[in-house]
Amino acid sequence: MMKDGKFPMSQTKTILRSLAGETLPTPPIWMMRQAGRYLPEYKATRAQAGDFLSLCYNPDLAAEVTLQPIRRYGFDAAILFADILLVPQALGADLWFVTGEGPRLSTITAQSDFDALKPADAIHETLNPIYETVKILRRELPEETTLIGFAGAPWTVATYMIAGQGTPDQGPAHALMQGNTPLFEALLDRITEATIDYLAMQIDAGAEVVKIFDSWAGSLKGDAFQKYAVLPCARITKALKERYPHIPVIGFPREAGDGYVGFHAATGVDCVALDNSVSPEWAAANVQTSGCVQGNLASSHMVTGGQALIDETRAIVKAFSGGPHIFNLGHGITPDADPENVTLMIETVRSS
């Protein structure tokens, strides 16, 4: 039996039920960056790996850190532990991490830089360990836990490849977009092709849902948002749906504001993840009417905790109670979060 011709309704996994359009009495819950530095067990495993990239590319250790928050908290989903910048590395960019500062990449600012990149279908030699991690997780996860694969959206990945690091306003990417549009669009196209292949391989390895993270979508305005956030997401989703019609796709155009409205229909995603710059009441009235939504507790509550966390969590659950909803944060949990506040959030969701 199918609902709306989409996903099997015999499904017992709560997140897959929400993604199929079902309104549940208690929303399923997971958390962006739920495997991370706020957990002492993660820090121990990362130390064992030696550095961040070695952890990403070690299937046994990457699977272990993915499983840690499931063991501790019993989330309804696990998200593959990896990084959005593994795709540019697989395309031939140099990638390294500076302790306390984040990622650094060789830059793509001229045609010769682009010409040195590998074709999209050459990424798998580098990324095979990631697919192995997915296979391990599919074997090791509890039967009721959904496995989510992911990739960065082309625009967000491009911003790092052009600037060589994260920037406050994605200025270098905007400058290339305006100053050399053909080169910018060729780079976006290469990333899009690679992302389709990367997510397809994750699905082949056992991912049951995939999520497209467009962390810097909010800096795209007007036509640029449509061309460089919406259309690449739609292209990736369409390609995946043609091959895997029953695999749900979550889109996350962070800080899209009014761009959240209509994003389901414009891209074909099954769920729109929301940041906490929009209120749940507004999102319920303007976004959830089109399908499942995910979000959107401010991650700062995981640091401060207390009654404010409880009150805001209850308000979000109530606001989205009239339609399909997956409870999550509005952005990733931060390293300074208190693990006990995560427990409090989960208990509040499940008792609301």
Protein backbone atom coordinates (compact mmCIF):
# COMPACT_ATOMS: atom_id res chain seq x y z
CA MET A 1 0.00 0.00 0.00
CA MET A 2 1.29 3.45 -0.91
CA LYS A 3 0.39 6.94 0.28
CA ASP A 4 0.10 9.50 -2.53
CA GLY A 5 2.04 7.05 -4.73
CA LYS A 6 5.21 7.85 -2.84
CA PHE A 7 6.51 5.61 -0.07
CA PRO A 8 5.40 2.26 1.36
CA MET A 9 2.93 2.81 4.22
CA SER A 10 3.91 -0.48 5.83
CA GLN A 11 6.89 1.53 7.01
CA THR A 12 7.31 1.56 10.80
CA LYS A 13 10.22 4.02 10.97
CA THR A 14 8.75 7.25 12.24
CA ILE A 15 10.89 9.60 10.17
CA LEU A 16 9.97 7.80 6.97
CA ARG A 17 6.31 8.04 7.95
CA SER A 18 6.62 11.80 8.45
CA LEU A 19 8.44 12.14 5.14
CA ALA A 20 5.59 10.25 3.46
CA GLY A 21 3.22 12.94 4.69
CA GLU A 22 1.85 11.38 7.84
CA THR A 23 1.04 13.57 10.86
CA LEU A 24 2.22 11.72 13.96
CA PRO A 25 1.12 12.37 17.56
CA THR A 26 4.78 12.76 18.57
CA PRO A 27 7.23 14.07 15.99
CA PRO A 28 10.32 11.97 15.32
CA ILE A 29 13.57 13.62 16.31
CA TRP A 30 17.21 13.81 15.32
CA MET A 31 19.72 16.63 15.50
CA MET A 32 22.10 18.20 13.01
CA ARG A 33 25.73 17.50 14.01
CA GLN A 34 24.46 15.07 16.63
CA ALA A 35 27.80 13.26 16.31
CA GLY A 36 30.22 15.94 17.39
CA ARG A 37 32.52 17.70 19.78
CA TYR A 38 29.95 18.27 22.54
CA LEU A 39 30.14 14.52 23.29
CA PRO A 40 33.13 13.18 25.25
CA GLU A 41 32.94 9.85 23.43
CA TYR A 42 33.28 11.68 20.10
CA LYS A 43 36.36 13.53 21.31
CA ALA A 44 37.93 10.23 22.35
CA THR A 45 37.30 8.63 18.95
CA ARG A 46 38.54 11.68 17.08
CA ALA A 47 41.74 11.58 19.14
CA GLN A 48 42.11 7.93 18.19
CA ALA A 49 41.74 8.85 14.49
CA GLY A 50 44.40 11.55 14.77
CA ASP A 51 42.66 14.31 12.81
CA PHE A 52 39.28 15.19 11.37
CA LEU A 53 39.83 13.97 7.80
CA SER A 54 41.35 10.69 9.01
CA LEU A 55 38.18 10.21 11.04
CA CYS A 56 35.96 10.88 8.00
CA TYR A 57 37.87 8.39 5.86
CA ASN A 58 38.10 5.60 8.45
CA PRO A 59 34.85 3.63 7.98
CA ASP A 60 34.99 1.86 11.34
CA LEU A 61 35.64 5.05 13.32
CA ALA A 62 33.22 7.17 11.25
CA ALA A 63 30.53 4.55 11.86
CA GLU A 64 31.38 4.53 15.56
CA VAL A 65 30.90 8.30 15.98
CA THR A 66 27.66 8.11 13.96
CA LEU A 67 26.38 5.46 16.36
CA GLN A 68 27.40 7.25 19.56
CA PRO A 69 24.45 9.67 19.79
CA ILE A 70 22.07 6.84 18.88
CA ARG A 71 23.33 4.80 21.82
CA ARG A 72 23.25 7.77 24.17
CA TYR A 73 19.94 9.37 23.17
CA GLY A 74 17.92 6.97 21.03
CA PHE A 75 17.36 9.45 18.20
CA ASP A 76 14.96 8.33 15.48
CA ALA A 77 17.63 8.82 12.80
CA ALA A 78 21.38 8.65 12.39
CA ILE A 79 23.10 10.89 9.88
CA LEU A 80 26.26 9.68 8.20
CA PHE A 81 29.38 11.23 9.72
CA ALA A 82 31.28 12.93 6.90
CA ASP A 83 31.85 16.49 5.66
CA ILE A 84 30.43 18.48 2.75
CA LEU A 85 33.96 19.32 1.57
CA LEU A 86 34.89 15.73 0.79
CA VAL A 87 33.28 16.22 -2.64
CA PRO A 88 35.60 19.08 -3.65
CA GLN A 89 38.53 17.04 -2.37
CA ALA A 90 37.38 14.10 -4.50
CA LEU A 91 37.18 16.48 -7.48
CA GLY A 92 40.86 17.31 -6.97
CA ALA A 93 40.89 20.31 -4.63
CA ASP A 94 43.43 20.32 -1.83
CA LEU A 95 41.66 20.15 1.54
CA TRP A 96 43.02 20.51 5.05
CA PHE A 97 41.68 21.60 8.43
CA VAL A 98 43.24 24.23 10.67
CA THR A 99 42.64 23.50 14.35
CA GLY A 100 40.30 26.04 15.85
CA GLU A 101 39.71 27.76 12.50
CA GLY A 102 38.09 25.20 10.22
CA PRO A 103 38.61 24.01 6.65
CA ARG A 104 40.96 25.37 4.03
CA LEU A 105 40.93 24.52 0.31
CA SER A 106 42.89 25.36 -2.78
CA THR A 107 40.82 27.92 -4.69
CA ILE A 108 38.97 27.91 -8.01
CA THR A 109 39.18 31.47 -9.31
CA ALA A 110 40.40 31.05 -12.90
CA GLN A 111 39.65 28.77 -15.85
CA SER A 112 42.96 26.95 -15.36
CA ASP A 113 41.93 26.06 -11.79
CA PHE A 114 38.66 24.62 -13.05
CA ASP A 115 40.36 22.75 -15.89
CA ALA A 116 42.54 20.94 -13.34
CA LEU A 117 39.52 19.44 -11.59
CA LYS A 118 38.56 15.82 -12.15
CA PRO A 119 35.33 14.86 -13.94
CA ALA A 120 32.32 14.21 -11.72
CA ASP A 121 32.39 10.45 -12.21
CA ALA A 122 35.98 10.24 -10.93
CA ILE A 123 35.04 11.05 -7.32
CA HIS A 124 34.38 7.50 -6.15
CA GLU A 125 37.97 6.39 -5.76
CA THR A 126 38.38 9.01 -3.04
CA LEU A 127 34.91 8.56 -1.56
CA ASN A 128 34.70 4.76 -1.40
CA PRO A 129 35.46 4.80 2.36
CA ILE A 130 32.33 6.91 2.88
CA TYR A 131 30.18 4.31 1.13
CA GLU A 132 31.75 1.65 3.31
CA THR A 133 30.75 3.66 6.39
CA VAL A 134 27.15 3.67 5.14
CA LYS A 135 27.23 -0.11 4.71
CA ILE A 136 28.53 -0.60 8.25
CA LEU A 137 25.83 1.69 9.63
CA ARG A 138 23.06 -0.11 7.79
CA ARG A 139 24.19 -3.32 9.49
CA GLU A 140 24.79 -1.85 12.94
CA LEU A 141 21.94 0.63 13.48
CA PRO A 142 18.89 -0.43 15.49
CA GLU A 143 16.08 -1.66 13.29
CA GLU A 144 13.88 1.35 14.11
CA THR A 145 16.54 3.97 13.32
CA THR A 146 16.52 5.68 9.92
CA LEU A 147 19.86 6.19 8.15
CA ILE A 148 20.29 9.61 6.52
CA GLY A 149 22.95 10.33 3.91
CA PHE A 150 23.83 13.86 2.88
CA ALA A 151 25.81 16.24 0.73
CA GLY A 152 26.38 19.96 0.55
CA ALA A 153 24.33 21.87 -2.00
CA PRO A 154 26.27 23.08 -5.05
CA TRP A 155 26.12 26.78 -4.10
CA THR A 156 27.40 26.19 -0.57
CA VAL A 157 30.17 23.85 -1.73
CA ALA A 158 31.13 26.35 -4.44
CA THR A 159 31.50 29.15 -1.90
CA TYR A 160 34.22 27.18 -0.12
CA MET A 161 35.92 26.13 -3.35
CA ILE A 162 36.08 29.72 -4.59
CA ALA A 163 37.13 31.40 -1.32
CA GLY A 164 39.25 28.54 0.02
CA GLN A 165 37.48 28.79 3.38
CA GLY A 166 34.26 29.90 5.01
CA THR A 167 33.50 33.62 4.72
CA PRO A 168 30.99 35.88 6.49
CA ASP A 169 29.15 36.94 3.34
CA GLN A 170 30.32 34.50 0.64
CA GLY A 171 31.78 37.56 -1.08
CA PRO A 172 34.36 35.75 -3.26
CA ALA A 173 31.68 33.46 -4.71
CA HIS A 174 29.38 36.40 -5.44
CA ALA A 175 32.29 38.23 -7.09
CA LEU A 176 33.06 35.26 -9.37
CA MET A 177 29.36 34.81 -10.13
CA GLN A 178 29.17 38.40 -11.36
CA GLY A 179 32.66 38.74 -12.82
CA ASN A 180 32.97 35.43 -14.66
CA THR A 181 29.50 33.89 -14.86
CA PRO A 182 30.46 31.11 -17.32
CA LEU A 183 33.23 29.86 -15.02
CA PHE A 184 31.01 30.11 -11.95
CA GLU A 185 28.21 28.18 -13.64
CA ALA A 186 30.60 25.54 -14.96
CA LEU A 187 31.86 24.97 -11.41
CA LEU A 188 28.30 24.76 -10.07
CA ASP A 189 27.44 22.28 -12.81
CA ARG A 190 30.46 20.08 -12.01
CA ILE A 191 29.56 20.07 -8.31
CA THR A 192 25.93 19.25 -9.14
CA GLU A 193 26.92 16.26 -11.27
CA ALA A 194 29.28 14.98 -8.59
CA THR A 195 26.65 15.44 -5.88
CA ILE A 196 24.13 13.35 -7.80
CA ASP A 197 26.69 10.54 -8.13
CA TYR A 198 27.76 10.85 -4.49
CA LEU A 199 24.24 10.67 -3.09
CA ALA A 200 23.32 7.83 -5.44
CA MET A 201 26.25 5.81 -4.14
CA GLN A 202 25.18 6.53 -0.56
CA ILE A 203 21.70 5.23 -1.40
CA ASP A 204 23.16 2.14 -3.08
CA ALA A 205 25.16 1.52 0.12
CA GLY A 206 22.07 1.74 2.33
CA ALA A 207 21.02 5.35 3.01
CA GLU A 208 17.24 5.53 3.41
CA VAL A 209 16.93 9.33 3.17
CA VAL A 210 19.28 11.97 1.79
CA LYS A 211 19.60 15.60 2.82
CA ILE A 212 20.98 18.50 0.77
CA PHE A 213 22.59 21.14 3.00
CA ASP A 214 22.60 24.63 1.49
CA SER A 215 24.09 26.37 4.51
CA TRP A 216 24.74 29.66 2.67
CA ALA A 217 21.52 29.81 0.62
CA GLY A 218 20.46 32.91 2.53
CA SER A 219 23.09 35.06 0.82
CA LEU A 220 21.45 34.43 -2.56
CA LYS A 221 18.72 36.96 -3.34
CA GLY A 222 16.04 37.21 -6.00
CA ASP A 223 16.87 35.54 -9.30
CA ALA A 224 20.19 34.29 -7.92
CA PHE A 225 18.35 32.23 -5.29
CA GLN A 226 16.21 30.68 -7.99
CA LYS A 227 19.13 29.96 -10.34
CA TYR A 228 21.76 28.83 -7.87
CA ALA A 229 19.83 27.39 -4.90
CA VAL A 230 16.49 26.18 -6.24
CA LEU A 231 17.44 24.85 -9.68
CA PRO A 232 20.50 22.78 -8.60
CA CYS A 233 18.49 21.27 -5.74
CA ALA A 234 15.69 20.46 -8.19
CA ARG A 235 18.14 18.89 -10.61
CA ILE A 236 19.70 16.69 -7.92
CA THR A 237 16.31 15.67 -6.55
CA LYS A 238 14.91 14.85 -10.00
CA ALA A 239 17.93 12.70 -10.90
CA LEU A 240 17.72 10.79 -7.62
CA LYS A 241 13.95 10.32 -7.85
CA GLU A 242 14.28 8.88 -11.34
CA ARG A 243 16.60 6.19 -9.99
CA TYR A 244 15.21 5.79 -6.47
CA PRO A 245 11.55 6.91 -6.46
CA HIS A 246 10.95 5.74 -2.90
CA ILE A 247 13.95 7.51 -1.31
CA PRO A 248 12.89 10.78 0.38
CA VAL A 249 14.95 13.94 -0.05
CA ILE A 250 15.23 16.72 2.56
CA GLY A 251 16.27 20.18 1.38
CA PHE A 252 17.80 22.77 3.72
CA PRO A 253 18.14 26.24 2.15
CA ARG A 254 19.26 27.84 5.41
CA GLU A 255 18.11 31.42 6.04
CA ALA A 256 16.05 31.39 2.85
CA GLY A 257 13.30 33.45 4.54
CA ASP A 258 10.45 33.88 2.06
CA GLY A 259 12.38 31.50 -0.21
CA TYR A 260 11.11 28.65 1.97
CA VAL A 261 7.64 29.28 0.57
CA GLY A 262 7.10 27.03 -2.43
CA PHE A 263 10.45 25.27 -2.01
CA HIS A 264 8.78 21.83 -1.86
CA ALA A 265 7.11 22.29 -5.23
CA ALA A 266 9.99 24.12 -6.90
CA THR A 267 12.57 21.45 -6.07
CA GLY A 268 10.59 18.23 -5.58
CA VAL A 269 12.00 17.63 -2.09
CA ASP A 270 9.83 15.69 0.35
CA CYS A 271 10.74 17.85 3.33
CA VAL A 272 12.00 21.38 3.87
CA ALA A 273 14.33 21.86 6.84
CA LEU A 274 13.96 25.22 8.53
CA ASP A 275 16.45 27.37 10.38
CA ASN A 276 15.39 29.29 13.47
CA SER A 277 15.30 32.72 11.82
CA VAL A 278 11.66 31.97 10.90
CA SER A 279 9.01 31.32 13.53
CA PRO A 280 7.36 27.90 13.64
CA GLU A 281 3.95 29.58 13.46
CA TRP A 282 4.90 31.37 10.23
CA ALA A 283 6.43 28.19 8.79
CA ALA A 284 3.37 26.11 9.70
CA ALA A 285 1.14 28.58 7.83
CA ASN A 286 3.41 29.12 4.82
CA VAL A 287 5.64 26.07 4.34
CA GLN A 288 4.17 23.04 6.13
CA THR A 289 1.00 23.42 4.06
CA SER A 290 3.06 22.01 1.15
CA GLY A 291 4.55 19.01 2.96
CA CYS A 292 6.78 17.79 5.74
CA VAL A 293 8.96 20.31 7.55
CA GLN A 294 11.95 19.77 9.81
CA GLY A 295 13.16 22.01 12.61
CA ASN A 296 13.62 24.46 14.12
CA LEU A 297 14.85 24.94 17.71
CA ALA A 298 17.71 27.44 18.11
CA SER A 299 20.90 25.52 18.82
CA SER A 300 21.76 28.06 21.54
CA HIS A 301 19.19 26.30 23.75
CA MET A 302 21.53 23.30 23.83
CA VAL A 303 24.02 25.54 25.63
CA THR A 304 21.72 27.43 27.98
CA GLY A 305 19.05 24.80 28.70
CA GLY A 306 16.52 25.44 31.45
CA GLN A 307 12.89 26.45 31.20
CA ALA A 308 13.46 28.46 28.01
CA LEU A 309 14.51 25.27 26.23
CA ILE A 310 11.41 23.46 27.49
CA ASP A 311 9.05 26.30 26.56
CA GLU A 312 10.45 26.80 23.06
CA THR A 313 10.51 23.06 22.36
CA ARG A 314 6.86 22.75 23.37
CA ALA A 315 5.94 25.78 21.27
CA ILE A 316 7.57 24.25 18.17
CA VAL A 317 5.89 20.88 18.67
CA LYS A 318 2.52 22.62 19.11
CA ALA A 319 2.95 24.92 16.10
CA PHE A 320 3.73 22.02 13.76
CA SER A 321 1.26 19.53 15.28
CA GLY A 322 -1.22 19.93 12.45
CA GLY A 323 0.99 18.37 9.77
CA PRO A 324 4.03 16.20 9.10
CA HIS A 325 6.99 17.36 11.19
CA ILE A 326 10.45 16.11 12.13
CA PHE A 327 11.83 17.83 15.22
CA ASN A 328 15.37 19.16 14.84
CA LEU A 329 17.49 22.20 15.51
CA GLY A 330 17.60 25.22 13.23
CA HIS A 331 21.32 24.61 12.70
CA GLY A 332 23.94 22.18 13.98
CA ILE A 333 24.56 21.67 17.69
CA THR A 334 27.67 23.57 18.82
CA PRO A 335 30.74 22.19 20.61
CA ASP A 336 29.90 24.11 23.80
CA ALA A 337 26.50 22.42 24.18
CA ASP A 338 25.67 20.49 27.35
CA PRO A 339 24.80 16.84 26.59
CA GLU A 340 22.21 16.98 29.40
CA ASN A 341 20.29 19.67 27.52
CA VAL A 342 19.92 17.29 24.59
CA THR A 343 18.33 14.78 26.95
CA LEU A 344 15.99 17.49 28.24
CA MET A 345 14.98 18.46 24.69
CA ILE A 346 14.20 14.87 23.72
CA GLU A 347 12.20 14.25 26.90
CA THR A 348 10.23 17.44 26.28
CA VAL A 349 9.42 16.52 22.67
CA ARG A 350 8.33 13.03 23.61
CA SER A 351 6.16 14.21 26.51
CA SER A 352 4.56 17.18 24.74
